[in-house]
Amino acid sequence: RRSAAALARRLRGVARGRFTVELVDGRSQVGGGALPLADLP
């Protein structure tokens, strides 16, 4: 969450109306191929 907030602040600083930035909750998919799939918040 801290890393996401810092990234969002940095990107808002260069957006200049070309894009908007927001923070959203999500899931990170872990694994693939021969590994079982799981996800993390």
Full PDB file with SEQRES, HELIX, SHEET, SSBOND, CRYST1, ORIGX, SCALE, CONECT and MASTER records, all heavy atoms in Angstrom:
SEQRES   1 A   41  ARG ARG SER ALA ALA ALA LEU ALA ARG ARG LEU ARG GLY          
SEQRES   2 A   41  VAL ALA ARG GLY ARG PHE THR VAL GLU LEU VAL ASP GLY          
SEQRES   3 A   41  ARG SER GLN VAL GLY GLY GLY ALA LEU PRO LEU ALA ASP          
SEQRES   4 A   41  LEU PRO                                                      
HELIX    1 AA1 ARG A    2  ALA A   15  1                                  14    
SHEET    1 AA1 2 SER A  28  VAL A  30  0                                        
SHEET    2 AA1 2 ALA A  38  LEU A  40 -1                                        
CRYST1    1.000    1.000    1.000  90.00  90.00  90.00 P 1           1          
ORIGX1      1.000000  0.000000  0.000000        0.00000                         
ORIGX2      0.000000  1.000000  0.000000        0.00000                         
ORIGX3      0.000000  0.000000  1.000000        0.00000                         
SCALE1      1.000000  0.000000  0.000000        0.00000                         
SCALE2      0.000000  1.000000  0.000000        0.00000                         
SCALE3      0.000000  0.000000  1.000000        0.00000                         
ATOM      1  N   ARG A   1       0.835  -1.216   0.000  1.00  0.00           N  
ATOM      2  CA  ARG A   1       0.000   0.000   0.000  1.00  0.00           C  
ATOM      3  C   ARG A   1       0.870   1.266   0.000  1.00  0.00           C  
ATOM      4  O   ARG A   1       0.579   2.218  -0.717  1.00  0.00           O  
ATOM      5  CB  ARG A   1      -0.940   0.002   1.200  1.00  0.00           C  
ATOM      6  CG  ARG A   1      -2.082  -0.983   1.071  1.00  0.00           C  
ATOM      7  CD  ARG A   1      -3.008  -0.890   2.294  1.00  0.00           C  
ATOM      8  NE  ARG A   1      -4.110  -1.808   2.188  1.00  0.00           N  
ATOM      9  CZ  ARG A   1      -5.212  -1.600   1.483  1.00  0.00           C  
ATOM     10  NH1 ARG A   1      -5.348  -0.488   0.801  1.00  0.00           N  
ATOM     11  NH2 ARG A   1      -6.163  -2.500   1.441  1.00  0.00           N  
ATOM     12  N   ARG A   2       1.932   1.263   0.792  1.00  0.00           N  
ATOM     13  CA  ARG A   2       2.834   2.423   0.815  1.00  0.00           C  
ATOM     14  C   ARG A   2       3.511   2.608  -0.547  1.00  0.00           C  
ATOM     15  O   ARG A   2       3.614   3.736  -1.048  1.00  0.00           O  
ATOM     16  CB  ARG A   2       3.881   2.277   1.920  1.00  0.00           C  
ATOM     17  CG  ARG A   2       3.327   2.542   3.312  1.00  0.00           C  
ATOM     18  CD  ARG A   2       4.418   2.640   4.359  1.00  0.00           C  
ATOM     19  NE  ARG A   2       5.233   1.429   4.468  1.00  0.00           N  
ATOM     20  CZ  ARG A   2       4.909   0.367   5.199  1.00  0.00           C  
ATOM     21  NH1 ARG A   2       3.772   0.350   5.890  1.00  0.00           N  
ATOM     22  NH2 ARG A   2       5.710  -0.674   5.252  1.00  0.00           N  
ATOM     23  N   SER A   3       3.955   1.527  -1.148  1.00  0.00           N  
ATOM     24  CA  SER A   3       4.589   1.601  -2.466  1.00  0.00           C  
ATOM     25  C   SER A   3       3.607   2.107  -3.518  1.00  0.00           C  
ATOM     26  O   SER A   3       3.963   2.919  -4.376  1.00  0.00           O  
ATOM     27  CB  SER A   3       5.120   0.225  -2.894  1.00  0.00           C  
ATOM     28  OG  SER A   3       6.153  -0.195  -2.053  1.00  0.00           O  
ATOM     29  N   ALA A   4       2.370   1.632  -3.464  1.00  0.00           N  
ATOM     30  CA  ALA A   4       1.345   2.063  -4.427  1.00  0.00           C  
ATOM     31  C   ALA A   4       1.060   3.548  -4.270  1.00  0.00           C  
ATOM     32  O   ALA A   4       0.956   4.280  -5.262  1.00  0.00           O  
ATOM     33  CB  ALA A   4       0.069   1.246  -4.241  1.00  0.00           C  
ATOM     34  N   ALA A   5       0.960   4.022  -3.027  1.00  0.00           N  
ATOM     35  CA  ALA A   5       0.690   5.444  -2.790  1.00  0.00           C  
ATOM     36  C   ALA A   5       1.840   6.305  -3.316  1.00  0.00           C  
ATOM     37  O   ALA A   5       1.617   7.348  -3.929  1.00  0.00           O  
ATOM     38  CB  ALA A   5       0.454   5.691  -1.299  1.00  0.00           C  
ATOM     39  N   ALA A   6       3.070   5.863  -3.103  1.00  0.00           N  
ATOM     40  CA  ALA A   6       4.231   6.616  -3.586  1.00  0.00           C  
ATOM     41  C   ALA A   6       4.260   6.634  -5.111  1.00  0.00           C  
ATOM     42  O   ALA A   6       4.545   7.678  -5.718  1.00  0.00           O  
ATOM     43  CB  ALA A   6       5.515   6.005  -3.029  1.00  0.00           C  
ATOM     44  N   LEU A   7       3.973   5.512  -5.742  1.00  0.00           N  
ATOM     45  CA  LEU A   7       3.936   5.452  -7.206  1.00  0.00           C  
ATOM     46  C   LEU A   7       2.840   6.365  -7.742  1.00  0.00           C  
ATOM     47  O   LEU A   7       3.055   7.124  -8.694  1.00  0.00           O  
ATOM     48  CB  LEU A   7       3.721   4.017  -7.677  1.00  0.00           C  
ATOM     49  CG  LEU A   7       3.565   3.818  -9.186  1.00  0.00           C  
ATOM     50  CD1 LEU A   7       4.784   4.319  -9.954  1.00  0.00           C  
ATOM     51  CD2 LEU A   7       3.284   2.350  -9.496  1.00  0.00           C  
ATOM     52  N   ALA A   8       1.671   6.327  -7.132  1.00  0.00           N  
ATOM     53  CA  ALA A   8       0.563   7.171  -7.581  1.00  0.00           C  
ATOM     54  C   ALA A   8       0.928   8.650  -7.472  1.00  0.00           C  
ATOM     55  O   ALA A   8       0.653   9.430  -8.393  1.00  0.00           O  
ATOM     56  CB  ALA A   8      -0.702   6.861  -6.778  1.00  0.00           C  
ATOM     57  N   ARG A   9       1.562   9.056  -6.372  1.00  0.00           N  
ATOM     58  CA  ARG A   9       1.988  10.455  -6.211  1.00  0.00           C  
ATOM     59  C   ARG A   9       2.956  10.852  -7.324  1.00  0.00           C  
ATOM     60  O   ARG A   9       2.822  11.920  -7.922  1.00  0.00           O  
ATOM     61  CB  ARG A   9       2.663  10.673  -4.856  1.00  0.00           C  
ATOM     62  CG  ARG A   9       1.714  10.931  -3.718  1.00  0.00           C  
ATOM     63  CD  ARG A   9       2.428  11.399  -2.464  1.00  0.00           C  
ATOM     64  NE  ARG A   9       3.490  10.501  -2.010  1.00  0.00           N  
ATOM     65  CZ  ARG A   9       3.290   9.426  -1.270  1.00  0.00           C  
ATOM     66  NH1 ARG A   9       2.074   9.072  -0.889  1.00  0.00           N  
ATOM     67  NH2 ARG A   9       4.312   8.688  -0.880  1.00  0.00           N  
ATOM     68  N   ARG A  10       3.916  10.004  -7.598  1.00  0.00           N  
ATOM     69  CA  ARG A  10       4.907  10.306  -8.640  1.00  0.00           C  
ATOM     70  C   ARG A  10       4.229  10.439  -9.999  1.00  0.00           C  
ATOM     71  O   ARG A  10       4.520  11.359 -10.767  1.00  0.00           O  
ATOM     72  CB  ARG A  10       5.980   9.227  -8.689  1.00  0.00           C  
ATOM     73  CG  ARG A  10       7.052   9.506  -9.746  1.00  0.00           C  
ATOM     74  CD  ARG A  10       8.131   8.457  -9.740  1.00  0.00           C  
ATOM     75  NE  ARG A  10       8.971   8.553  -8.572  1.00  0.00           N  
ATOM     76  CZ  ARG A  10      10.154   9.168  -8.541  1.00  0.00           C  
ATOM     77  NH1 ARG A  10      10.622   9.742  -9.625  1.00  0.00           N  
ATOM     78  NH2 ARG A  10      10.865   9.201  -7.450  1.00  0.00           N  
ATOM     79  N   LEU A  11       3.315   9.527 -10.311  1.00  0.00           N  
ATOM     80  CA  LEU A  11       2.668   9.559 -11.622  1.00  0.00           C  
ATOM     81  C   LEU A  11       1.716  10.743 -11.751  1.00  0.00           C  
ATOM     82  O   LEU A  11       1.619  11.339 -12.824  1.00  0.00           O  
ATOM     83  CB  LEU A  11       1.946   8.238 -11.894  1.00  0.00           C  
ATOM     84  CG  LEU A  11       2.859   7.010 -11.964  1.00  0.00           C  
ATOM     85  CD1 LEU A  11       2.051   5.781 -12.322  1.00  0.00           C  
ATOM     86  CD2 LEU A  11       4.023   7.216 -12.919  1.00  0.00           C  
ATOM     87  N   ARG A  12       1.030  11.093 -10.686  1.00  0.00           N  
ATOM     88  CA  ARG A  12       0.175  12.291 -10.728  1.00  0.00           C  
ATOM     89  C   ARG A  12       1.002  13.539 -11.017  1.00  0.00           C  
ATOM     90  O   ARG A  12       0.528  14.470 -11.659  1.00  0.00           O  
ATOM     91  CB  ARG A  12      -0.593  12.441  -9.417  1.00  0.00           C  
ATOM     92  CG  ARG A  12      -1.720  11.453  -9.277  1.00  0.00           C  
ATOM     93  CD  ARG A  12      -2.480  11.640  -7.965  1.00  0.00           C  
ATOM     94  NE  ARG A  12      -3.506  10.640  -7.829  1.00  0.00           N  
ATOM     95  CZ  ARG A  12      -3.608   9.790  -6.802  1.00  0.00           C  
ATOM     96  NH1 ARG A  12      -2.749   9.863  -5.780  1.00  0.00           N  
ATOM     97  NH2 ARG A  12      -4.564   8.894  -6.765  1.00  0.00           N  
ATOM     98  N   GLY A  13       2.248  13.528 -10.571  1.00  0.00           N  
ATOM     99  CA  GLY A  13       3.135  14.661 -10.798  1.00  0.00           C  
ATOM    100  C   GLY A  13       3.530  14.851 -12.253  1.00  0.00           C  
ATOM    101  O   GLY A  13       3.942  15.938 -12.643  1.00  0.00           O  
ATOM    102  N   VAL A  14       3.417  13.812 -13.062  1.00  0.00           N  
ATOM    103  CA  VAL A  14       3.772  13.922 -14.489  1.00  0.00           C  
ATOM    104  C   VAL A  14       2.554  13.799 -15.399  1.00  0.00           C  
ATOM    105  O   VAL A  14       2.695  13.865 -16.614  1.00  0.00           O  
ATOM    106  CB  VAL A  14       4.845  12.887 -14.897  1.00  0.00           C  
ATOM    107  CG1 VAL A  14       6.128  13.074 -14.106  1.00  0.00           C  
ATOM    108  CG2 VAL A  14       4.327  11.464 -14.796  1.00  0.00           C  
ATOM    109  N   ALA A  15       1.375  13.639 -14.831  1.00  0.00           N  
ATOM    110  CA  ALA A  15       0.170  13.377 -15.642  1.00  0.00           C  
ATOM    111  C   ALA A  15      -0.188  14.545 -16.557  1.00  0.00           C  
ATOM    112  O   ALA A  15      -0.488  14.345 -17.728  1.00  0.00           O  
ATOM    113  CB  ALA A  15      -1.016  13.028 -14.742  1.00  0.00           C  
ATOM    114  N   ARG A  16      -0.194  15.761 -16.031  1.00  0.00           N  
ATOM    115  CA  ARG A  16      -0.494  16.967 -16.806  1.00  0.00           C  
ATOM    116  C   ARG A  16      -1.704  16.808 -17.736  1.00  0.00           C  
ATOM    117  O   ARG A  16      -1.677  17.216 -18.892  1.00  0.00           O  
ATOM    118  CB  ARG A  16       0.736  17.416 -17.594  1.00  0.00           C  
ATOM    119  CG  ARG A  16       1.895  17.817 -16.703  1.00  0.00           C  
ATOM    120  CD  ARG A  16       3.024  18.471 -17.444  1.00  0.00           C  
ATOM    121  NE  ARG A  16       3.666  17.662 -18.442  1.00  0.00           N  
ATOM    122  CZ  ARG A  16       4.640  16.775 -18.219  1.00  0.00           C  
ATOM    123  NH1 ARG A  16       5.073  16.585 -16.989  1.00  0.00           N  
ATOM    124  NH2 ARG A  16       5.176  16.094 -19.200  1.00  0.00           N  
ATOM    125  N   GLY A  17      -2.765  16.183 -17.223  1.00  0.00           N  
ATOM    126  CA  GLY A  17      -3.999  16.028 -17.990  1.00  0.00           C  
ATOM    127  C   GLY A  17      -3.967  14.929 -19.040  1.00  0.00           C  
ATOM    128  O   GLY A  17      -4.960  14.680 -19.704  1.00  0.00           O  
ATOM    129  N   ARG A  18      -2.844  14.238 -19.176  1.00  0.00           N  
ATOM    130  CA  ARG A  18      -2.712  13.193 -20.196  1.00  0.00           C  
ATOM    131  C   ARG A  18      -3.263  11.854 -19.738  1.00  0.00           C  
ATOM    132  O   ARG A  18      -3.576  10.995 -20.541  1.00  0.00           O  
ATOM    133  CB  ARG A  18      -1.250  13.044 -20.606  1.00  0.00           C  
ATOM    134  CG  ARG A  18      -0.650  14.357 -21.115  1.00  0.00           C  
ATOM    135  CD  ARG A  18       0.819  14.267 -21.372  1.00  0.00           C  
ATOM    136  NE  ARG A  18       1.563  13.962 -20.148  1.00  0.00           N  
ATOM    137  CZ  ARG A  18       2.886  13.783 -20.117  1.00  0.00           C  
ATOM    138  NH1 ARG A  18       3.590  13.885 -21.220  1.00  0.00           N  
ATOM    139  NH2 ARG A  18       3.503  13.524 -18.983  1.00  0.00           N  
ATOM    140  N   PHE A  19      -3.372  11.695 -18.426  1.00  0.00           N  
ATOM    141  CA  PHE A  19      -3.944  10.483 -17.838  1.00  0.00           C  
ATOM    142  C   PHE A  19      -4.320  10.795 -16.399  1.00  0.00           C  
ATOM    143  O   PHE A  19      -3.852  11.773 -15.827  1.00  0.00           O  
ATOM    144  CB  PHE A  19      -2.973   9.294 -17.914  1.00  0.00           C  
ATOM    145  CG  PHE A  19      -1.611   9.551 -17.315  1.00  0.00           C  
ATOM    146  CD1 PHE A  19      -1.366   9.308 -15.973  1.00  0.00           C  
ATOM    147  CD2 PHE A  19      -0.565  10.026 -18.100  1.00  0.00           C  
ATOM    148  CE1 PHE A  19      -0.116   9.536 -15.423  1.00  0.00           C  
ATOM    149  CE2 PHE A  19       0.688  10.266 -17.562  1.00  0.00           C  
ATOM    150  CZ  PHE A  19       0.920  10.010 -16.219  1.00  0.00           C  
ATOM    151  N   THR A  20      -5.197   9.966 -15.847  1.00  0.00           N  
ATOM    152  CA  THR A  20      -5.541  10.077 -14.436  1.00  0.00           C  
ATOM    153  C   THR A  20      -5.004   8.851 -13.710  1.00  0.00           C  
ATOM    154  O   THR A  20      -4.760   7.803 -14.324  1.00  0.00           O  
ATOM    155  CB  THR A  20      -7.065  10.176 -14.217  1.00  0.00           C  
ATOM    156  OG1 THR A  20      -7.689   9.007 -14.750  1.00  0.00           O  
ATOM    157  CG2 THR A  20      -7.627  11.423 -14.887  1.00  0.00           C  
ATOM    158  N   VAL A  21      -4.827   9.008 -12.422  1.00  0.00           N  
ATOM    159  CA  VAL A  21      -4.246   7.945 -11.593  1.00  0.00           C  
ATOM    160  C   VAL A  21      -5.140   7.748 -10.382  1.00  0.00           C  
ATOM    161  O   VAL A  21      -5.550   8.723  -9.747  1.00  0.00           O  
ATOM    162  CB  VAL A  21      -2.827   8.325 -11.129  1.00  0.00           C  
ATOM    163  CG1 VAL A  21      -2.235   7.247 -10.232  1.00  0.00           C  
ATOM    164  CG2 VAL A  21      -1.921   8.601 -12.318  1.00  0.00           C  
ATOM    165  N   GLU A  22      -5.451   6.500 -10.078  1.00  0.00           N  
ATOM    166  CA  GLU A  22      -6.189   6.190  -8.849  1.00  0.00           C  
ATOM    167  C   GLU A  22      -5.631   4.912  -8.249  1.00  0.00           C  
ATOM    168  O   GLU A  22      -4.959   4.129  -8.916  1.00  0.00           O  
ATOM    169  CB  GLU A  22      -7.686   6.065  -9.126  1.00  0.00           C  
ATOM    170  CG  GLU A  22      -8.057   4.921 -10.028  1.00  0.00           C  
ATOM    171  CD  GLU A  22      -9.552   4.823 -10.288  1.00  0.00           C  
ATOM    172  OE1 GLU A  22     -10.333   4.886  -9.332  1.00  0.00           O  
ATOM    173  OE2 GLU A  22      -9.918   4.674 -11.464  1.00  0.00           O  
ATOM    174  N   LEU A  23      -5.912   4.720  -6.981  1.00  0.00           N  
ATOM    175  CA  LEU A  23      -5.513   3.508  -6.271  1.00  0.00           C  
ATOM    176  C   LEU A  23      -6.731   2.609  -6.129  1.00  0.00           C  
ATOM    177  O   LEU A  23      -7.809   3.090  -5.775  1.00  0.00           O  
ATOM    178  CB  LEU A  23      -4.951   3.863  -4.896  1.00  0.00           C  
ATOM    179  CG  LEU A  23      -3.639   4.643  -4.923  1.00  0.00           C  
ATOM    180  CD1 LEU A  23      -3.311   5.178  -3.543  1.00  0.00           C  
ATOM    181  CD2 LEU A  23      -2.515   3.767  -5.434  1.00  0.00           C  
ATOM    182  N   VAL A  24      -6.548   1.331  -6.405  1.00  0.00           N  
ATOM    183  CA  VAL A  24      -7.643   0.360  -6.287  1.00  0.00           C  
ATOM    184  C   VAL A  24      -7.112  -0.916  -5.639  1.00  0.00           C  
ATOM    185  O   VAL A  24      -5.950  -1.280  -5.819  1.00  0.00           O  
ATOM    186  CB  VAL A  24      -8.289   0.042  -7.663  1.00  0.00           C  
ATOM    187  CG1 VAL A  24      -8.941   1.265  -8.257  1.00  0.00           C  
ATOM    188  CG2 VAL A  24      -7.289  -0.541  -8.631  1.00  0.00           C  
ATOM    189  N   ASP A  25      -7.964  -1.575  -4.893  1.00  0.00           N  
ATOM    190  CA  ASP A  25      -7.595  -2.871  -4.332  1.00  0.00           C  
ATOM    191  C   ASP A  25      -7.660  -3.919  -5.427  1.00  0.00           C  
ATOM    192  O   ASP A  25      -8.453  -3.811  -6.368  1.00  0.00           O  
ATOM    193  CB  ASP A  25      -8.547  -3.254  -3.188  1.00  0.00           C  
ATOM    194  CG  ASP A  25      -8.325  -2.398  -1.957  1.00  0.00           C  
ATOM    195  OD1 ASP A  25      -7.166  -1.998  -1.703  1.00  0.00           O  
ATOM    196  OD2 ASP A  25      -9.299  -2.118  -1.249  1.00  0.00           O  
ATOM    197  N   GLY A  26      -6.819  -4.921  -5.323  1.00  0.00           N  
ATOM    198  CA  GLY A  26      -6.807  -5.975  -6.331  1.00  0.00           C  
ATOM    199  C   GLY A  26      -6.159  -7.235  -5.807  1.00  0.00           C  
ATOM    200  O   GLY A  26      -5.920  -7.374  -4.595  1.00  0.00           O  
ATOM    201  N   ARG A  27      -5.875  -8.128  -6.725  1.00  0.00           N  
ATOM    202  CA  ARG A  27      -5.258  -9.414  -6.412  1.00  0.00           C  
ATOM    203  C   ARG A  27      -4.065  -9.606  -7.335  1.00  0.00           C  
ATOM    204  O   ARG A  27      -4.136  -9.301  -8.519  1.00  0.00           O  
ATOM    205  CB  ARG A  27      -6.239 -10.568  -6.616  1.00  0.00           C  
ATOM    206  CG  ARG A  27      -7.583 -10.444  -5.918  1.00  0.00           C  
ATOM    207  CD  ARG A  27      -7.549 -10.516  -4.443  1.00  0.00           C  
ATOM    208  NE  ARG A  27      -7.151 -11.822  -3.936  1.00  0.00           N  
ATOM    209  CZ  ARG A  27      -7.012 -12.094  -2.646  1.00  0.00           C  
ATOM    210  NH1 ARG A  27      -7.256 -11.158  -1.753  1.00  0.00           N  
ATOM    211  NH2 ARG A  27      -6.647 -13.273  -2.248  1.00  0.00           N  
ATOM    212  N   SER A  28      -2.967 -10.136  -6.796  1.00  0.00           N  
ATOM    213  CA  SER A  28      -1.790 -10.504  -7.577  1.00  0.00           C  
ATOM    214  C   SER A  28      -1.823 -12.005  -7.785  1.00  0.00           C  
ATOM    215  O   SER A  28      -1.904 -12.768  -6.816  1.00  0.00           O  
ATOM    216  CB  SER A  28      -0.493 -10.164  -6.833  1.00  0.00           C  
ATOM    217  OG  SER A  28      -0.343  -8.790  -6.673  1.00  0.00           O  
ATOM    218  N   GLN A  29      -1.756 -12.413  -9.037  1.00  0.00           N  
ATOM    219  CA  GLN A  29      -1.753 -13.850  -9.325  1.00  0.00           C  
ATOM    220  C   GLN A  29      -0.347 -14.393  -9.154  1.00  0.00           C  
ATOM    221  O   GLN A  29       0.624 -13.812  -9.639  1.00  0.00           O  
ATOM    222  CB  GLN A  29      -2.261 -14.120 -10.732  1.00  0.00           C  
ATOM    223  CG  GLN A  29      -2.532 -15.576 -10.982  1.00  0.00           C  
ATOM    224  CD  GLN A  29      -3.177 -15.807 -12.334  1.00  0.00           C  
ATOM    225  OE1 GLN A  29      -2.937 -15.071 -13.276  1.00  0.00           O  
ATOM    226  NE2 GLN A  29      -3.974 -16.834 -12.420  1.00  0.00           N  
ATOM    227  N   VAL A  30      -0.241 -15.494  -8.456  1.00  0.00           N  
ATOM    228  CA  VAL A  30       1.036 -16.132  -8.179  1.00  0.00           C  
ATOM    229  C   VAL A  30       1.020 -17.503  -8.836  1.00  0.00           C  
ATOM    230  O   VAL A  30       0.024 -18.204  -8.805  1.00  0.00           O  
ATOM    231  CB  VAL A  30       1.245 -16.297  -6.653  1.00  0.00           C  
ATOM    232  CG1 VAL A  30       2.581 -16.961  -6.369  1.00  0.00           C  
ATOM    233  CG2 VAL A  30       1.145 -14.954  -5.967  1.00  0.00           C  
ATOM    234  N   GLY A  31       2.124 -17.879  -9.413  1.00  0.00           N  
ATOM    235  CA  GLY A  31       2.226 -19.204 -10.013  1.00  0.00           C  
ATOM    236  C   GLY A  31       1.854 -19.191 -11.475  1.00  0.00           C  
ATOM    237  O   GLY A  31       1.534 -18.170 -12.061  1.00  0.00           O  
ATOM    238  N   GLY A  32       1.918 -20.326 -12.062  1.00  0.00           N  
ATOM    239  CA  GLY A  32       1.656 -20.491 -13.481  1.00  0.00           C  
ATOM    240  C   GLY A  32       2.464 -21.678 -13.970  1.00  0.00           C  
ATOM    241  O   GLY A  32       3.301 -22.225 -13.251  1.00  0.00           O  
ATOM    242  N   GLY A  33       2.211 -22.092 -15.169  1.00  0.00           N  
ATOM    243  CA  GLY A  33       2.936 -23.252 -15.673  1.00  0.00           C  
ATOM    244  C   GLY A  33       2.646 -24.463 -14.818  1.00  0.00           C  
ATOM    245  O   GLY A  33       1.496 -24.839 -14.615  1.00  0.00           O  
ATOM    246  N   ALA A  34       3.689 -25.061 -14.264  1.00  0.00           N  
ATOM    247  CA  ALA A  34       3.535 -26.270 -13.455  1.00  0.00           C  
ATOM    248  C   ALA A  34       3.147 -25.963 -12.008  1.00  0.00           C  
ATOM    249  O   ALA A  34       2.814 -26.877 -11.262  1.00  0.00           O  
ATOM    250  CB  ALA A  34       4.832 -27.079 -13.468  1.00  0.00           C  
ATOM    251  N   LEU A  35       3.194 -24.688 -11.620  1.00  0.00           N  
ATOM    252  CA  LEU A  35       2.857 -24.330 -10.247  1.00  0.00           C  
ATOM    253  C   LEU A  35       1.363 -24.116 -10.092  1.00  0.00           C  
ATOM    254  O   LEU A  35       0.706 -23.601 -10.993  1.00  0.00           O  
ATOM    255  CB  LEU A  35       3.580 -23.041  -9.843  1.00  0.00           C  
ATOM    256  CG  LEU A  35       5.092 -23.119  -9.784  1.00  0.00           C  
ATOM    257  CD1 LEU A  35       5.668 -21.737  -9.526  1.00  0.00           C  
ATOM    258  CD2 LEU A  35       5.531 -24.070  -8.692  1.00  0.00           C  
ATOM    259  N   PRO A  36       0.806 -24.451  -8.961  1.00  0.00           N  
ATOM    260  CA  PRO A  36      -0.609 -24.159  -8.736  1.00  0.00           C  
ATOM    261  C   PRO A  36      -0.817 -22.653  -8.660  1.00  0.00           C  
ATOM    262  O   PRO A  36       0.067 -21.919  -8.224  1.00  0.00           O  
ATOM    263  CB  PRO A  36      -0.906 -24.835  -7.406  1.00  0.00           C  
ATOM    264  CG  PRO A  36       0.402 -25.019  -6.748  1.00  0.00           C  
ATOM    265  CD  PRO A  36       1.433 -25.112  -7.839  1.00  0.00           C  
ATOM    266  N   LEU A  37      -1.961 -22.229  -9.116  1.00  0.00           N  
ATOM    267  CA  LEU A  37      -2.267 -20.809  -9.088  1.00  0.00           C  
ATOM    268  C   LEU A  37      -2.826 -20.408  -7.729  1.00  0.00           C  
ATOM    269  O   LEU A  37      -3.620 -21.112  -7.131  1.00  0.00           O  
ATOM    270  CB  LEU A  37      -3.273 -20.461 -10.186  1.00  0.00           C  
ATOM    271  CG  LEU A  37      -2.791 -20.688 -11.609  1.00  0.00           C  
ATOM    272  CD1 LEU A  37      -3.906 -20.375 -12.594  1.00  0.00           C  
ATOM    273  CD2 LEU A  37      -1.585 -19.826 -11.915  1.00  0.00           C  
ATOM    274  N   ALA A  38      -2.396 -19.256  -7.280  1.00  0.00           N  
ATOM    275  CA  ALA A  38      -2.907 -18.676  -6.042  1.00  0.00           C  
ATOM    276  C   ALA A  38      -2.924 -17.175  -6.259  1.00  0.00           C  
ATOM    277  O   ALA A  38      -2.374 -16.678  -7.239  1.00  0.00           O  
ATOM    278  CB  ALA A  38      -1.999 -19.043  -4.873  1.00  0.00           C  
ATOM    279  N   ASP A  39      -3.548 -16.448  -5.375  1.00  0.00           N  
ATOM    280  CA  ASP A  39      -3.480 -14.998  -5.485  1.00  0.00           C  
ATOM    281  C   ASP A  39      -3.331 -14.370  -4.111  1.00  0.00           C  
ATOM    282  O   ASP A  39      -3.647 -14.979  -3.095  1.00  0.00           O  
ATOM    283  CB  ASP A  39      -4.647 -14.413  -6.277  1.00  0.00           C  
ATOM    284  CG  ASP A  39      -6.008 -14.677  -5.664  1.00  0.00           C  
ATOM    285  OD1 ASP A  39      -6.086 -14.954  -4.457  1.00  0.00           O  
ATOM    286  OD2 ASP A  39      -7.000 -14.567  -6.385  1.00  0.00           O  
ATOM    287  N   LEU A  40      -2.784 -13.160  -4.125  1.00  0.00           N  
ATOM    288  CA  LEU A  40      -2.528 -12.411  -2.903  1.00  0.00           C  
ATOM    289  C   LEU A  40      -3.192 -11.050  -3.011  1.00  0.00           C  
ATOM    290  O   LEU A  40      -3.255 -10.477  -4.109  1.00  0.00           O  
ATOM    291  CB  LEU A  40      -1.016 -12.200  -2.722  1.00  0.00           C  
ATOM    292  CG  LEU A  40      -0.152 -13.447  -2.599  1.00  0.00           C  
ATOM    293  CD1 LEU A  40       1.322 -13.065  -2.663  1.00  0.00           C  
ATOM    294  CD2 LEU A  40      -0.468 -14.165  -1.296  1.00  0.00           C  
ATOM    295  N   PRO A  41      -3.651 -10.490  -1.900  1.00  0.00           N  
ATOM    296  CA  PRO A  41      -4.216  -9.142  -1.962  1.00  0.00           C  
ATOM    297  C   PRO A  41      -3.119  -8.135  -2.291  1.00  0.00           C  
ATOM    298  O   PRO A  41      -1.958  -8.310  -1.900  1.00  0.00           O  
ATOM    299  CB  PRO A  41      -4.770  -8.919  -0.553  1.00  0.00           C  
ATOM    300  CG  PRO A  41      -4.012  -9.857   0.304  1.00  0.00           C  
ATOM    301  CD  PRO A  41      -3.645 -11.033  -0.551  1.00  0.00           C  
TER     302      PRO A  41                                                      
MASTER        0    0    0    1    2    0    0    6  301    1    0    4          
END                                                                             
